[in-house]
N, C-alpha and C. Protein backbone atom coordinates (compact mmCIF):
# COMPACT_ATOMS: atom_id res chain seq x y z
N MET A 1 5.41 27.98 28.77
CA MET A 1 4.08 27.82 28.23
C MET A 1 3.55 26.46 28.69
N THR A 2 2.25 26.38 29.01
CA THR A 2 1.63 25.13 29.43
C THR A 2 0.53 24.75 28.44
N ASP A 3 0.10 23.48 28.52
CA ASP A 3 -0.88 22.97 27.55
C ASP A 3 -2.32 23.01 28.04
N GLY A 4 -2.60 23.63 29.11
CA GLY A 4 -3.96 23.68 29.63
C GLY A 4 -4.18 22.66 30.74
N PHE A 5 -3.30 21.68 30.81
CA PHE A 5 -3.35 20.69 31.88
C PHE A 5 -2.22 20.89 32.85
N GLY A 6 -1.47 21.95 32.66
CA GLY A 6 -0.36 22.25 33.56
C GLY A 6 0.97 21.69 33.10
N ALA A 7 0.99 20.94 31.99
CA ALA A 7 2.24 20.37 31.50
C ALA A 7 2.97 21.41 30.66
N ALA A 8 4.29 21.43 30.80
CA ALA A 8 5.10 22.38 30.04
C ALA A 8 5.15 21.96 28.57
N VAL A 9 5.03 22.94 27.70
CA VAL A 9 5.07 22.71 26.26
C VAL A 9 6.14 23.59 25.67
N SER A 10 6.99 23.00 24.83
CA SER A 10 7.99 23.84 24.17
C SER A 10 7.55 24.12 22.74
N VAL A 11 7.78 25.32 22.31
CA VAL A 11 7.41 25.75 20.97
C VAL A 11 8.67 25.65 20.11
N PRO A 12 8.56 24.97 18.94
CA PRO A 12 9.76 24.84 18.10
C PRO A 12 10.18 26.20 17.54
N THR A 13 11.48 26.34 17.37
CA THR A 13 11.99 27.55 16.74
C THR A 13 11.65 27.52 15.25
N ALA A 14 11.81 28.65 14.60
CA ALA A 14 11.54 28.73 13.16
C ALA A 14 12.42 27.74 12.41
N HIS A 15 13.68 27.61 12.82
CA HIS A 15 14.60 26.68 12.17
C HIS A 15 14.15 25.23 12.37
N GLU A 16 13.75 24.87 13.58
CA GLU A 16 13.27 23.51 13.86
C GLU A 16 11.99 23.21 13.08
N PHE A 17 11.11 24.20 13.00
CA PHE A 17 9.87 24.03 12.25
C PHE A 17 10.16 23.81 10.77
N LYS A 18 11.08 24.59 10.21
CA LYS A 18 11.46 24.45 8.80
C LYS A 18 12.03 23.06 8.55
N ARG A 19 12.88 22.56 9.45
CA ARG A 19 13.45 21.21 9.29
C ARG A 19 12.34 20.16 9.31
N LEU A 20 11.37 20.34 10.19
CA LEU A 20 10.25 19.41 10.28
C LEU A 20 9.42 19.42 8.99
N VAL A 21 9.13 20.60 8.48
CA VAL A 21 8.36 20.72 7.24
C VAL A 21 9.11 20.07 6.08
N ASP A 22 10.42 20.30 6.01
CA ASP A 22 11.23 19.69 4.95
C ASP A 22 11.22 18.16 5.06
N ARG A 23 11.29 17.66 6.27
CA ARG A 23 11.28 16.20 6.48
C ARG A 23 9.94 15.59 6.07
N VAL A 24 8.85 16.24 6.43
CA VAL A 24 7.52 15.76 6.05
C VAL A 24 7.38 15.76 4.53
N ALA A 25 7.86 16.81 3.88
CA ALA A 25 7.79 16.89 2.42
C ALA A 25 8.60 15.76 1.78
N ALA A 26 9.76 15.46 2.32
CA ALA A 26 10.59 14.38 1.79
C ALA A 26 9.89 13.03 1.94
N LEU A 27 9.27 12.81 3.09
CA LEU A 27 8.54 11.57 3.32
C LEU A 27 7.35 11.45 2.36
N GLU A 28 6.65 12.55 2.12
CA GLU A 28 5.53 12.53 1.18
C GLU A 28 6.00 12.19 -0.23
N ARG A 29 7.15 12.72 -0.63
CA ARG A 29 7.70 12.40 -1.96
C ARG A 29 8.04 10.92 -2.05
N CYS A 30 8.62 10.36 -1.00
CA CYS A 30 8.96 8.93 -0.98
C CYS A 30 7.70 8.08 -1.11
N LEU A 31 6.67 8.43 -0.36
CA LEU A 31 5.42 7.67 -0.41
C LEU A 31 4.77 7.78 -1.79
N ALA A 32 4.79 8.95 -2.37
CA ALA A 32 4.20 9.14 -3.70
C ALA A 32 4.95 8.32 -4.73
N ALA A 33 6.27 8.29 -4.65
CA ALA A 33 7.08 7.52 -5.59
C ALA A 33 6.79 6.03 -5.43
N GLU A 34 6.66 5.57 -4.19
CA GLU A 34 6.37 4.16 -3.94
C GLU A 34 5.00 3.79 -4.48
N GLU A 35 4.00 4.63 -4.24
CA GLU A 35 2.65 4.36 -4.74
C GLU A 35 2.63 4.37 -6.26
N SER A 36 3.37 5.29 -6.85
CA SER A 36 3.44 5.38 -8.31
C SER A 36 4.05 4.10 -8.87
N TRP A 37 5.13 3.62 -8.25
CA TRP A 37 5.78 2.40 -8.72
C TRP A 37 4.83 1.21 -8.61
N GLN A 38 4.14 1.11 -7.48
CA GLN A 38 3.24 -0.01 -7.28
C GLN A 38 2.08 0.04 -8.27
N SER A 39 1.56 1.22 -8.55
CA SER A 39 0.42 1.30 -9.45
C SER A 39 0.83 1.02 -10.89
N GLU A 40 2.10 1.16 -11.23
CA GLU A 40 2.56 0.91 -12.58
C GLU A 40 2.90 -0.56 -12.80
N SER A 41 3.13 -1.31 -11.75
CA SER A 41 3.52 -2.71 -11.90
C SER A 41 2.35 -3.52 -12.41
N PRO A 42 2.57 -4.36 -13.45
CA PRO A 42 1.47 -5.18 -13.97
C PRO A 42 1.18 -6.40 -13.09
N TYR A 43 2.01 -6.64 -12.09
CA TYR A 43 1.82 -7.80 -11.22
C TYR A 43 1.68 -7.38 -9.77
N LEU A 44 0.93 -8.16 -9.02
CA LEU A 44 0.74 -7.95 -7.59
C LEU A 44 1.19 -9.18 -6.84
N THR A 45 1.66 -9.00 -5.62
CA THR A 45 1.89 -10.14 -4.75
C THR A 45 0.52 -10.63 -4.29
N VAL A 46 0.49 -11.79 -3.68
CA VAL A 46 -0.77 -12.33 -3.18
C VAL A 46 -1.36 -11.40 -2.12
N VAL A 47 -0.53 -10.85 -1.28
CA VAL A 47 -0.99 -9.93 -0.23
C VAL A 47 -1.56 -8.66 -0.87
N GLU A 48 -0.88 -8.11 -1.89
CA GLU A 48 -1.39 -6.91 -2.56
C GLU A 48 -2.71 -7.19 -3.27
N ALA A 49 -2.82 -8.38 -3.89
CA ALA A 49 -4.07 -8.76 -4.55
C ALA A 49 -5.20 -8.85 -3.52
N ALA A 50 -4.90 -9.40 -2.36
CA ALA A 50 -5.91 -9.50 -1.30
C ALA A 50 -6.35 -8.10 -0.84
N GLU A 51 -5.40 -7.18 -0.74
CA GLU A 51 -5.74 -5.81 -0.35
C GLU A 51 -6.64 -5.17 -1.40
N LEU A 52 -6.31 -5.37 -2.68
CA LEU A 52 -7.11 -4.79 -3.75
C LEU A 52 -8.52 -5.38 -3.77
N LEU A 53 -8.62 -6.69 -3.51
CA LEU A 53 -9.92 -7.37 -3.48
C LEU A 53 -10.65 -7.17 -2.15
N ARG A 54 -9.93 -6.60 -1.18
CA ARG A 54 -10.48 -6.43 0.18
C ARG A 54 -10.95 -7.76 0.75
N CYS A 55 -10.03 -8.71 0.69
CA CYS A 55 -10.33 -10.04 1.23
C CYS A 55 -9.07 -10.55 1.93
N ARG A 56 -9.17 -11.73 2.47
CA ARG A 56 -8.02 -12.35 3.12
C ARG A 56 -7.12 -13.01 2.08
N ARG A 57 -5.89 -13.20 2.47
CA ARG A 57 -4.92 -13.84 1.58
C ARG A 57 -5.41 -15.21 1.15
N GLN A 58 -6.06 -15.93 2.05
CA GLN A 58 -6.55 -17.27 1.75
C GLN A 58 -7.52 -17.26 0.58
N ARG A 59 -8.32 -16.21 0.46
CA ARG A 59 -9.27 -16.11 -0.66
C ARG A 59 -8.53 -16.03 -1.99
N VAL A 60 -7.45 -15.27 -2.04
CA VAL A 60 -6.64 -15.18 -3.26
C VAL A 60 -6.01 -16.55 -3.55
N ASP A 61 -5.52 -17.22 -2.52
CA ASP A 61 -4.97 -18.57 -2.71
C ASP A 61 -6.04 -19.51 -3.26
N ASP A 62 -7.26 -19.39 -2.77
CA ASP A 62 -8.37 -20.22 -3.27
C ASP A 62 -8.65 -19.92 -4.75
N LEU A 63 -8.68 -18.63 -5.11
CA LEU A 63 -8.91 -18.25 -6.51
C LEU A 63 -7.80 -18.79 -7.41
N LEU A 64 -6.58 -18.78 -6.91
CA LEU A 64 -5.46 -19.34 -7.68
C LEU A 64 -5.61 -20.85 -7.83
N SER A 65 -5.99 -21.53 -6.76
CA SER A 65 -6.17 -22.99 -6.81
C SER A 65 -7.32 -23.37 -7.74
N GLN A 66 -8.35 -22.55 -7.79
CA GLN A 66 -9.50 -22.81 -8.66
C GLN A 66 -9.23 -22.37 -10.10
N ARG A 67 -8.05 -21.82 -10.33
CA ARG A 67 -7.63 -21.31 -11.65
C ARG A 67 -8.53 -20.19 -12.15
N ARG A 68 -9.13 -19.46 -11.22
CA ARG A 68 -9.91 -18.28 -11.59
C ARG A 68 -8.98 -17.08 -11.74
N LEU A 69 -7.79 -17.17 -11.15
CA LEU A 69 -6.69 -16.23 -11.35
C LEU A 69 -5.46 -17.04 -11.75
N THR A 70 -4.60 -16.43 -12.57
CA THR A 70 -3.40 -17.11 -13.03
C THR A 70 -2.24 -16.83 -12.07
N ARG A 71 -1.50 -17.88 -11.75
CA ARG A 71 -0.36 -17.78 -10.85
C ARG A 71 0.91 -17.60 -11.70
N TYR A 72 1.70 -16.59 -11.34
CA TYR A 72 3.00 -16.37 -11.98
C TYR A 72 4.05 -16.48 -10.89
N LYS A 73 5.07 -17.28 -11.15
CA LYS A 73 6.12 -17.48 -10.15
C LYS A 73 7.34 -16.64 -10.51
N ASP A 74 7.89 -15.98 -9.51
CA ASP A 74 9.14 -15.24 -9.64
C ASP A 74 10.03 -15.75 -8.52
N GLY A 75 10.76 -16.81 -8.81
CA GLY A 75 11.52 -17.46 -7.75
C GLY A 75 10.55 -18.08 -6.77
N SER A 76 10.63 -17.68 -5.53
CA SER A 76 9.71 -18.22 -4.52
C SER A 76 8.44 -17.37 -4.38
N ARG A 77 8.43 -16.21 -5.02
CA ARG A 77 7.25 -15.33 -4.92
C ARG A 77 6.16 -15.76 -5.88
N THR A 78 4.93 -15.66 -5.42
CA THR A 78 3.77 -15.88 -6.29
C THR A 78 3.19 -14.52 -6.62
N LEU A 79 3.03 -14.28 -7.93
CA LEU A 79 2.48 -13.02 -8.40
C LEU A 79 1.17 -13.27 -9.14
N VAL A 80 0.35 -12.23 -9.19
CA VAL A 80 -0.95 -12.30 -9.85
C VAL A 80 -1.04 -11.09 -10.77
N SER A 81 -1.62 -11.27 -11.94
CA SER A 81 -1.77 -10.17 -12.87
C SER A 81 -2.74 -9.12 -12.32
N ARG A 82 -2.30 -7.87 -12.28
CA ARG A 82 -3.15 -6.78 -11.81
C ARG A 82 -4.42 -6.70 -12.67
N ALA A 83 -4.26 -6.86 -14.00
CA ALA A 83 -5.39 -6.78 -14.92
C ALA A 83 -6.42 -7.87 -14.61
N GLU A 84 -5.94 -9.09 -14.30
CA GLU A 84 -6.86 -10.18 -13.96
C GLU A 84 -7.63 -9.89 -12.68
N VAL A 85 -6.93 -9.37 -11.70
CA VAL A 85 -7.58 -9.06 -10.42
C VAL A 85 -8.63 -7.97 -10.64
N GLU A 86 -8.29 -6.94 -11.41
CA GLU A 86 -9.25 -5.87 -11.68
C GLU A 86 -10.44 -6.40 -12.50
N GLU A 87 -10.19 -7.31 -13.43
CA GLU A 87 -11.28 -7.92 -14.21
C GLU A 87 -12.18 -8.75 -13.29
N HIS A 88 -11.57 -9.47 -12.36
CA HIS A 88 -12.34 -10.26 -11.39
C HIS A 88 -13.25 -9.34 -10.59
N LEU A 89 -12.75 -8.18 -10.20
CA LEU A 89 -13.57 -7.21 -9.47
C LEU A 89 -14.72 -6.70 -10.32
N ARG A 90 -14.43 -6.37 -11.58
CA ARG A 90 -15.47 -5.85 -12.48
C ARG A 90 -16.54 -6.88 -12.78
N SER A 91 -16.15 -8.15 -12.85
CA SER A 91 -17.11 -9.20 -13.21
C SER A 91 -18.14 -9.45 -12.12
N GLY A 92 -17.81 -9.04 -10.89
CA GLY A 92 -18.74 -9.23 -9.79
C GLY A 92 -18.79 -10.67 -9.28
N ARG A 93 -17.85 -11.50 -9.77
CA ARG A 93 -17.82 -12.88 -9.26
C ARG A 93 -17.35 -12.90 -7.82
N PRO A 94 -17.92 -13.82 -7.05
CA PRO A 94 -17.47 -13.90 -5.64
C PRO A 94 -16.07 -14.46 -5.52
């Protein structure tokens, strides 16, 4: 079989297709579990806060320095309250 450009194309067998479908389903479950865990966490990393605010990491650092967001330390990690970030978004403050 060719792809219309003259290149040979192989068609997966039913068994290969089933393995592929099972693998995709497993990956989807992993991603859903990861997203669920992240959405349940009351804290965000600075990078996650920047993604939620759709800004650069430096902007979150500036908000932390200005004490407009509270900094929580977990060892060397800096965390930000998810609720504070969402409140900052709702308030419409720059």
